[in-house]
């Protein structure tokens, strides 16, 4: 296995572990889309959604001008 392939495989494994750890299933709560990017190749390795709490603050909404 080449050094580049070994690095990319290790990076992909780490990205998959992060997504498994923090990713949430969409349930109607406010959510953020999280992307894990390899900074050397600028390649997206994984994406997931995470929920966050707004407390008493209403969620953001689009307002037409």
PDB file of N, CA and C in Angstrom:
ATOM      1  N   UNK A   1       0.858  -1.171   0.000  1.00  0.00           N
ATOM      2  CA  UNK A   1       0.000   0.000   0.000  1.00  0.00           C
ATOM      3  C   UNK A   1       0.903   1.232   0.000  1.00  0.00           C
ATOM      4  N   UNK A   2       0.597   2.186  -0.867  1.00  0.00           N
ATOM      5  CA  UNK A   2       1.405   3.400  -0.944  1.00  0.00           C
ATOM      6  C   UNK A   2       1.153   4.280   0.285  1.00  0.00           C
ATOM      7  N   UNK A   3       2.058   5.204   0.519  1.00  0.00           N
ATOM      8  CA  UNK A   3       1.924   6.111   1.667  1.00  0.00           C
ATOM      9  C   UNK A   3       0.666   6.974   1.530  1.00  0.00           C
ATOM     10  N   UNK A   4       0.365   7.438   0.303  1.00  0.00           N
ATOM     11  CA  UNK A   4      -0.829   8.257   0.087  1.00  0.00           C
ATOM     12  C   UNK A   4      -2.103   7.472   0.366  1.00  0.00           C
ATOM     13  N   UNK A   5      -2.148   6.239  -0.108  1.00  0.00           N
ATOM     14  CA  UNK A   5      -3.322   5.404   0.129  1.00  0.00           C
ATOM     15  C   UNK A   5      -3.476   5.092   1.616  1.00  0.00           C
ATOM     16  N   UNK A   6      -2.391   4.839   2.301  1.00  0.00           N
ATOM     17  CA  UNK A   6      -2.435   4.569   3.736  1.00  0.00           C
ATOM     18  C   UNK A   6      -2.948   5.789   4.495  1.00  0.00           C
ATOM     19  N   UNK A   7      -2.485   6.996   4.106  1.00  0.00           N
ATOM     20  CA  UNK A   7      -2.948   8.226   4.766  1.00  0.00           C
ATOM     21  C   UNK A   7      -4.430   8.458   4.505  1.00  0.00           C
ATOM     22  N   UNK A   8      -4.855   8.278   3.249  1.00  0.00           N
ATOM     23  CA  UNK A   8      -6.254   8.473   2.901  1.00  0.00           C
ATOM     24  C   UNK A   8      -7.152   7.451   3.612  1.00  0.00           C
ATOM     25  N   UNK A   9      -6.713   6.215   3.713  1.00  0.00           N
ATOM     26  CA  UNK A   9      -7.483   5.188   4.418  1.00  0.00           C
ATOM     27  C   UNK A   9      -7.612   5.529   5.897  1.00  0.00           C
ATOM     28  N   UNK A  10      -6.533   5.979   6.516  1.00  0.00           N
ATOM     29  CA  UNK A  10      -6.582   6.375   7.928  1.00  0.00           C
ATOM     30  C   UNK A  10      -7.492   7.583   8.114  1.00  0.00           C
ATOM     31  N   UNK A  11      -7.424   8.548   7.194  1.00  0.00           N
ATOM     32  CA  UNK A  11      -8.288   9.733   7.278  1.00  0.00           C
ATOM     33  C   UNK A  11      -9.757   9.342   7.124  1.00  0.00           C
ATOM     34  N   UNK A  12     -10.056   8.441   6.187  1.00  0.00           N
ATOM     35  CA  UNK A  12     -11.439   7.995   5.986  1.00  0.00           C
ATOM     36  C   UNK A  12     -11.960   7.266   7.219  1.00  0.00           C
ATOM     37  N   UNK A  13     -11.137   6.418   7.806  1.00  0.00           N
ATOM     38  CA  UNK A  13     -11.536   5.707   9.029  1.00  0.00           C
ATOM     39  C   UNK A  13     -11.838   6.689  10.156  1.00  0.00           C
ATOM     40  N   UNK A  14     -11.004   7.718  10.297  1.00  0.00           N
ATOM     41  CA  UNK A  14     -11.227   8.726  11.341  1.00  0.00           C
ATOM     42  C   UNK A  14     -12.506   9.513  11.064  1.00  0.00           C
ATOM     43  N   UNK A  15     -12.743   9.883   9.808  1.00  0.00           N
ATOM     44  CA  UNK A  15     -13.963  10.619   9.444  1.00  0.00           C
ATOM     45  C   UNK A  15     -15.202   9.781   9.725  1.00  0.00           C
ATOM     46  N   UNK A  16     -15.163   8.504   9.377  1.00  0.00           N
ATOM     47  CA  UNK A  16     -16.296   7.616   9.642  1.00  0.00           C
ATOM     48  C   UNK A  16     -16.563   7.491  11.140  1.00  0.00           C
ATOM     49  N   UNK A  17     -15.500   7.440  11.935  1.00  0.00           N
ATOM     50  CA  UNK A  17     -15.659   7.340  13.391  1.00  0.00           C
ATOM     51  C   UNK A  17     -16.291   8.609  13.958  1.00  0.00           C
ATOM     52  N   UNK A  18     -15.899   9.766  13.444  1.00  0.00           N
ATOM     53  CA  UNK A  18     -16.492  11.030  13.908  1.00  0.00           C
ATOM     54  C   UNK A  18     -17.981  11.066  13.587  1.00  0.00           C
ATOM     55  N   UNK A  19     -18.336  10.697  12.366  1.00  0.00           N
ATOM     56  CA  UNK A  19     -19.748  10.718  11.961  1.00  0.00           C
ATOM     57  C   UNK A  19     -20.567   9.738  12.806  1.00  0.00           C
ATOM     58  N   UNK A  20     -20.033   8.559  13.065  1.00  0.00           N
ATOM     59  CA  UNK A  20     -20.752   7.592  13.918  1.00  0.00           C
ATOM     60  C   UNK A  20     -20.933   8.138  15.329  1.00  0.00           C
ATOM     61  N   UNK A  21     -19.966   8.897  15.817  1.00  0.00           N
ATOM     62  CA  UNK A  21     -20.005   9.398  17.188  1.00  0.00           C
ATOM     63  C   UNK A  21     -20.958  10.577  17.352  1.00  0.00           C
ATOM     64  N   UNK A  22     -20.923  11.540  16.442  1.00  0.00           N
ATOM     65  CA  UNK A  22     -21.691  12.772  16.646  1.00  0.00           C
ATOM     66  C   UNK A  22     -22.950  12.878  15.791  1.00  0.00           C
ATOM     67  N   UNK A  23     -23.076  12.062  14.756  1.00  0.00           N
ATOM     68  CA  UNK A  23     -24.209  12.182  13.844  1.00  0.00           C
ATOM     69  C   UNK A  23     -25.535  11.839  14.503  1.00  0.00           C
ATOM     70  N   UNK A  24     -26.559  12.610  14.137  1.00  0.00           N
ATOM     71  CA  UNK A  24     -27.917  12.401  14.651  1.00  0.00           C
ATOM     72  C   UNK A  24     -28.865  12.111  13.490  1.00  0.00           C
ATOM     73  N   UNK A  25     -29.985  11.495  13.815  1.00  0.00           N
ATOM     74  CA  UNK A  25     -31.043  11.268  12.844  1.00  0.00           C
ATOM     75  C   UNK A  25     -31.954  12.490  12.845  1.00  0.00           C
ATOM     76  N   UNK A  26     -32.279  13.048  11.674  1.00  0.00           N
ATOM     77  CA  UNK A  26     -33.175  14.206  11.643  1.00  0.00           C
ATOM     78  C   UNK A  26     -34.489  13.899  12.347  1.00  0.00           C
ATOM     79  N   UNK A  27     -34.861  14.787  13.284  1.00  0.00           N
ATOM     80  CA  UNK A  27     -36.092  14.562  14.050  1.00  0.00           C
ATOM     81  C   UNK A  27     -36.924  15.825  14.205  1.00  0.00           C
ATOM     82  N   UNK A  28     -36.680  16.833  13.387  1.00  0.00           N
ATOM     83  CA  UNK A  28     -37.438  18.070  13.469  1.00  0.00           C
ATOM     84  C   UNK A  28     -36.777  19.123  14.341  1.00  0.00           C
ATOM     85  N   UNK A  29     -35.729  18.764  15.083  1.00  0.00           N
ATOM     86  CA  UNK A  29     -34.991  19.738  15.883  1.00  0.00           C
ATOM     87  C   UNK A  29     -34.098  20.560  14.964  1.00  0.00           C
ATOM     88  N   UNK A  30     -33.651  21.730  15.437  1.00  0.00           N
ATOM     89  CA  UNK A  30     -32.684  22.481  14.636  1.00  0.00           C
ATOM     90  C   UNK A  30     -31.437  21.630  14.410  1.00  0.00           C
ATOM     91  N   UNK A  31     -30.931  21.663  13.185  1.00  0.00           N
ATOM     92  CA  UNK A  31     -29.796  20.805  12.850  1.00  0.00           C
ATOM     93  C   UNK A  31     -28.733  21.578  12.085  1.00  0.00           C
ATOM     94  N   UNK A  32     -27.514  21.108  12.214  1.00  0.00           N
ATOM     95  CA  UNK A  32     -26.384  21.601  11.440  1.00  0.00           C
ATOM     96  C   UNK A  32     -25.874  20.462  10.568  1.00  0.00           C
ATOM     97  N   UNK A  33     -25.422  20.801   9.377  1.00  0.00           N
ATOM     98  CA  UNK A  33     -24.780  19.826   8.509  1.00  0.00           C
ATOM     99  C   UNK A  33     -23.278  19.934   8.748  1.00  0.00           C
ATOM    100  N   UNK A  34     -22.666  18.829   9.128  1.00  0.00           N
ATOM    101  CA  UNK A  34     -21.238  18.790   9.420  1.00  0.00           C
ATOM    102  C   UNK A  34     -20.541  17.998   8.323  1.00  0.00           C
ATOM    103  N   UNK A  35     -19.497  18.572   7.765  1.00  0.00           N
ATOM    104  CA  UNK A  35     -18.708  17.890   6.741  1.00  0.00           C
ATOM    105  C   UNK A  35     -17.293  17.708   7.261  1.00  0.00           C
ATOM    106  N   UNK A  36     -16.741  16.519   7.036  1.00  0.00           N
ATOM    107  CA  UNK A  36     -15.355  16.226   7.391  1.00  0.00           C
ATOM    108  C   UNK A  36     -14.555  16.273   6.100  1.00  0.00           C
ATOM    109  N   UNK A  37     -13.587  17.194   6.044  1.00  0.00           N
ATOM    110  CA  UNK A  37     -12.817  17.449   4.828  1.00  0.00           C
ATOM    111  C   UNK A  37     -11.358  17.068   5.057  1.00  0.00           C
ATOM    112  N   UNK A  38     -10.758  16.410   4.070  1.00  0.00           N
ATOM    113  CA  UNK A  38      -9.321  16.135   4.096  1.00  0.00           C
ATOM    114  C   UNK A  38      -8.623  17.406   3.622  1.00  0.00           C
ATOM    115  N   UNK A  39      -7.881  18.097   4.498  1.00  0.00           N
ATOM    116  CA  UNK A  39      -7.282  19.374   4.103  1.00  0.00           C
ATOM    117  C   UNK A  39      -6.183  19.242   3.045  1.00  0.00           C
ATOM    118  N   UNK A  40      -5.575  18.089   2.926  1.00  0.00           N
ATOM    119  CA  UNK A  40      -4.517  17.919   1.925  1.00  0.00           C
ATOM    120  C   UNK A  40      -5.073  17.793   0.514  1.00  0.00           C
ATOM    121  N   UNK A  41      -6.227  17.137   0.379  1.00  0.00           N
ATOM    122  CA  UNK A  41      -6.801  16.929  -0.952  1.00  0.00           C
ATOM    123  C   UNK A  41      -8.071  17.740  -1.170  1.00  0.00           C
ATOM    124  N   UNK A  42      -8.550  18.406  -0.106  1.00  0.00           N
ATOM    125  CA  UNK A  42      -9.802  19.172  -0.138  1.00  0.00           C
ATOM    126  C   UNK A  42     -10.977  18.289  -0.563  1.00  0.00           C
ATOM    127  N   UNK A  43     -10.938  17.038  -0.160  1.00  0.00           N
ATOM    128  CA  UNK A  43     -11.975  16.064  -0.471  1.00  0.00           C
ATOM    129  C   UNK A  43     -12.875  15.866   0.735  1.00  0.00           C
ATOM    130  N   UNK A  44     -14.187  15.854   0.487  1.00  0.00           N
ATOM    131  CA  UNK A  44     -15.137  15.571   1.567  1.00  0.00           C
ATOM    132  C   UNK A  44     -15.119  14.076   1.840  1.00  0.00           C
ATOM    133  N   UNK A  45     -14.812  13.721   3.084  1.00  0.00           N
ATOM    134  CA  UNK A  45     -14.726  12.313   3.465  1.00  0.00           C
ATOM    135  C   UNK A  45     -16.025  11.799   4.062  1.00  0.00           C
ATOM    136  N   UNK A  46     -16.784  12.664   4.731  1.00  0.00           N
ATOM    137  CA  UNK A  46     -18.027  12.236   5.380  1.00  0.00           C
ATOM    138  C   UNK A  46     -18.874  13.459   5.699  1.00  0.00           C
ATOM    139  N   UNK A  47     -20.171  13.245   5.816  1.00  0.00           N
ATOM    140  CA  UNK A  47     -21.096  14.290   6.255  1.00  0.00           C
ATOM    141  C   UNK A  47     -22.109  13.681   7.203  1.00  0.00           C
ATOM    142  N   UNK A  48     -22.632  14.520   8.081  1.00  0.00           N
ATOM    143  CA  UNK A  48     -23.706  14.083   8.964  1.00  0.00           C
ATOM    144  C   UNK A  48     -24.439  15.316   9.477  1.00  0.00           C
ATOM    145  N   UNK A  49     -25.569  15.078  10.102  1.00  0.00           N
ATOM    146  CA  UNK A  49     -26.317  16.142  10.760  1.00  0.00           C
ATOM    147  C   UNK A  49     -26.128  16.005  12.260  1.00  0.00           C
ATOM    148  N   UNK A  50     -26.077  17.145  12.952  1.00  0.00           N
ATOM    149  CA  UNK A  50     -26.073  17.158  14.408  1.00  0.00           C
ATOM    150  C   UNK A  50     -27.141  18.141  14.866  1.00  0.00           C
ATOM    151  N   UNK A  51     -27.830  17.784  15.940  1.00  0.00           N
ATOM    152  CA  UNK A  51     -28.851  18.670  16.486  1.00  0.00           C
ATOM    153  C   UNK A  51     -28.208  19.642  17.458  1.00  0.00           C
ATOM    154  N   UNK A  52     -28.877  20.761  17.654  1.00  0.00           N
ATOM    155  CA  UNK A  52     -28.435  21.727  18.652  1.00  0.00           C
ATOM    156  C   UNK A  52     -29.664  22.306  19.326  1.00  0.00           C
ATOM    157  N   UNK A  53     -29.459  22.836  20.510  1.00  0.00           N
ATOM    158  CA  UNK A  53     -30.552  23.397  21.294  1.00  0.00           C
ATOM    159  C   UNK A  53     -30.513  24.910  21.223  1.00  0.00           C
ATOM    160  N   UNK A  54     -31.688  25.532  21.057  1.00  0.00           N
ATOM    161  CA  UNK A  54     -31.762  26.982  20.981  1.00  0.00           C
ATOM    162  C   UNK A  54     -32.279  27.589  22.278  1.00  0.00           C
ATOM    163  N   UNK A  55     -32.715  26.749  23.206  1.00  0.00           N
ATOM    164  CA  UNK A  55     -33.281  27.290  24.435  1.00  0.00           C
ATOM    165  C   UNK A  55     -34.554  28.048  24.116  1.00  0.00           C
ATOM    166  N   UNK A  56     -34.662  29.286  24.585  1.00  0.00           N
ATOM    167  CA  UNK A  56     -35.849  30.111  24.347  1.00  0.00           C
ATOM    168  C   UNK A  56     -35.754  30.943  23.077  1.00  0.00           C
ATOM    169  N   UNK A  57     -34.628  30.827  22.363  1.00  0.00           N
ATOM    170  CA  UNK A  57     -34.436  31.615  21.150  1.00  0.00           C
ATOM    171  C   UNK A  57     -35.129  30.900  19.993  1.00  0.00           C
ATOM    172  N   UNK A  58     -35.983  31.612  19.239  1.00  0.00           N
ATOM    173  CA  UNK A  58     -36.654  30.953  18.106  1.00  0.00           C
ATOM    174  C   UNK A  58     -35.654  30.581  17.022  1.00  0.00           C
ATOM    175  N   UNK A  59     -35.940  29.541  16.244  1.00  0.00           N
ATOM    176  CA  UNK A  59     -35.039  29.144  15.171  1.00  0.00           C
ATOM    177  C   UNK A  59     -34.945  30.226  14.100  1.00  0.00           C
ATOM    178  N   UNK A  60     -33.863  30.216  13.320  1.00  0.00           N
ATOM    179  CA  UNK A  60     -33.715  31.168  12.220  1.00  0.00           C
ATOM    180  C   UNK A  60     -34.749  30.887  11.152  1.00  0.00           C
ATOM    181  N   UNK A  61     -35.153  31.931  10.457  1.00  0.00           N
ATOM    182  CA  UNK A  61     -36.104  31.759   9.354  1.00  0.00           C
ATOM    183  C   UNK A  61     -35.780  32.755   8.266  1.00  0.00           C
ATOM    184  N   UNK A  62     -36.138  32.433   7.045  1.00  0.00           N
ATOM    185  CA  UNK A  62     -35.896  33.295   5.899  1.00  0.00           C
ATOM    186  C   UNK A  62     -36.951  34.383   5.861  1.00  0.00           C
ATOM    187  N   UNK A  63     -36.510  35.614   5.710  1.00  0.00           N
ATOM    188  CA  UNK A  63     -37.431  36.752   5.616  1.00  0.00           C
ATOM    189  C   UNK A  63     -37.229  37.408   4.266  1.00  0.00           C
ATOM    190  N   UNK A  64     -38.300  37.485   3.488  1.00  0.00           N
ATOM    191  CA  UNK A  64     -38.213  38.121   2.175  1.00  0.00           C
ATOM    192  C   UNK A  64     -38.227  39.632   2.356  1.00  0.00           C
ATOM    193  N   UNK A  65     -37.401  40.326   1.583  1.00  0.00           N
ATOM    194  CA  UNK A  65     -37.342  41.790   1.718  1.00  0.00           C
ATOM    195  C   UNK A  65     -38.405  42.474   0.891  1.00  0.00           C
TER     196      UNK A  65
END
